[in-house]
Amino acid sequence: MVNDQFKKQKEKLTPESGFNLVGIDYFGDLEGQLYFIEHFDMYQDALDAKKNRKNPEEYFILYKGAGGEYLSR
């Protein structure tokens, strides 16, 4: 159940184009653990923003693949 909620949140925050930097709130409720931070047109810009965060491992870059699949890094 927890994985399903997390997956739904990731899909909801994934942009149709470009890349979204998303944070994780480990203390938030199951339906709101992920939160939007910023949208980027270029992957490198999103990656740089993630690396510049205090705890980069607490952030995802969400985007859609060429086949429309939901991806994250």
Protein backbone atom coordinates (compact mmCIF):
# COMPACT_ATOMS: atom_id res chain seq x y z
CA MET A 1 0.00 0.00 0.00
CA VAL A 2 2.79 2.43 0.88
CA ASN A 3 4.53 1.76 -2.46
CA ASP A 4 1.26 2.39 -4.33
CA GLN A 5 0.79 5.78 -2.64
CA PHE A 6 4.41 6.75 -3.33
CA LYS A 7 4.08 5.67 -6.97
CA LYS A 8 0.87 7.71 -7.39
CA GLN A 9 2.57 10.78 -5.92
CA LYS A 10 5.53 10.38 -8.28
CA GLU A 11 3.23 10.07 -11.29
CA LYS A 12 1.24 13.14 -10.21
CA LEU A 13 4.41 15.24 -9.90
CA THR A 14 6.00 14.05 -13.16
CA PRO A 15 5.84 16.73 -15.87
CA GLU A 16 4.74 16.03 -19.45
CA SER A 17 8.02 17.58 -20.60
CA GLY A 18 11.15 18.67 -18.81
CA PHE A 19 12.24 17.68 -15.32
CA ASN A 20 10.81 18.34 -11.86
CA LEU A 21 12.93 18.46 -8.74
CA VAL A 22 10.89 16.91 -5.93
CA GLY A 23 11.63 16.61 -2.22
CA ILE A 24 10.68 13.93 0.28
CA ASP A 25 9.03 14.78 3.59
CA TYR A 26 9.65 11.66 5.67
CA PHE A 27 7.36 12.96 8.41
CA GLY A 28 4.46 13.85 6.11
CA ASP A 29 1.40 11.70 5.68
CA LEU A 30 1.48 8.91 3.11
CA GLU A 31 -0.43 10.97 0.55
CA GLY A 32 1.83 13.99 0.81
CA GLN A 33 5.36 12.79 1.33
CA LEU A 34 6.58 14.20 -1.98
CA TYR A 35 6.51 17.91 -2.73
CA PHE A 36 7.35 19.94 -5.81
CA ILE A 37 10.39 22.23 -5.64
CA GLU A 38 11.18 23.46 -9.15
CA HIS A 39 10.76 22.65 -12.85
CA PHE A 40 13.67 22.57 -15.29
CA ASP A 41 13.83 22.28 -19.06
CA MET A 42 17.28 20.67 -19.03
CA TYR A 43 18.26 17.56 -17.06
CA GLN A 44 21.69 18.98 -16.18
CA ASP A 45 20.07 22.01 -14.53
CA ALA A 46 17.84 19.75 -12.42
CA LEU A 47 20.82 17.58 -11.50
CA ASP A 48 22.87 20.62 -10.48
CA ALA A 49 20.00 21.90 -8.32
CA LYS A 50 19.72 18.48 -6.65
CA LYS A 51 23.47 18.32 -5.98
CA ASN A 52 23.41 21.81 -4.43
CA ARG A 53 20.84 20.77 -1.80
CA LYS A 54 21.96 20.10 1.77
CA ASN A 55 20.96 16.39 1.57
CA PRO A 56 20.81 15.51 -2.16
CA GLU A 57 19.69 11.94 -1.42
CA GLU A 58 16.37 13.32 -0.15
CA TYR A 59 15.41 14.63 -3.61
CA PHE A 60 14.24 13.09 -6.89
CA ILE A 61 14.30 14.30 -10.46
CA LEU A 62 11.06 13.18 -12.08
CA TYR A 63 10.51 13.01 -15.85
CA LYS A 64 8.77 11.00 -18.57
CA GLY A 65 10.76 8.67 -20.78
CA ALA A 66 10.53 8.46 -24.55
CA GLY A 67 7.87 5.75 -24.24
CA GLY A 68 5.78 7.79 -21.79
CA GLU A 69 6.97 5.81 -18.77
CA TYR A 70 7.50 7.59 -15.45
CA LEU A 71 11.17 7.82 -14.50
CA SER A 72 13.13 9.20 -11.56
CA ARG A 73 16.76 9.73 -10.59
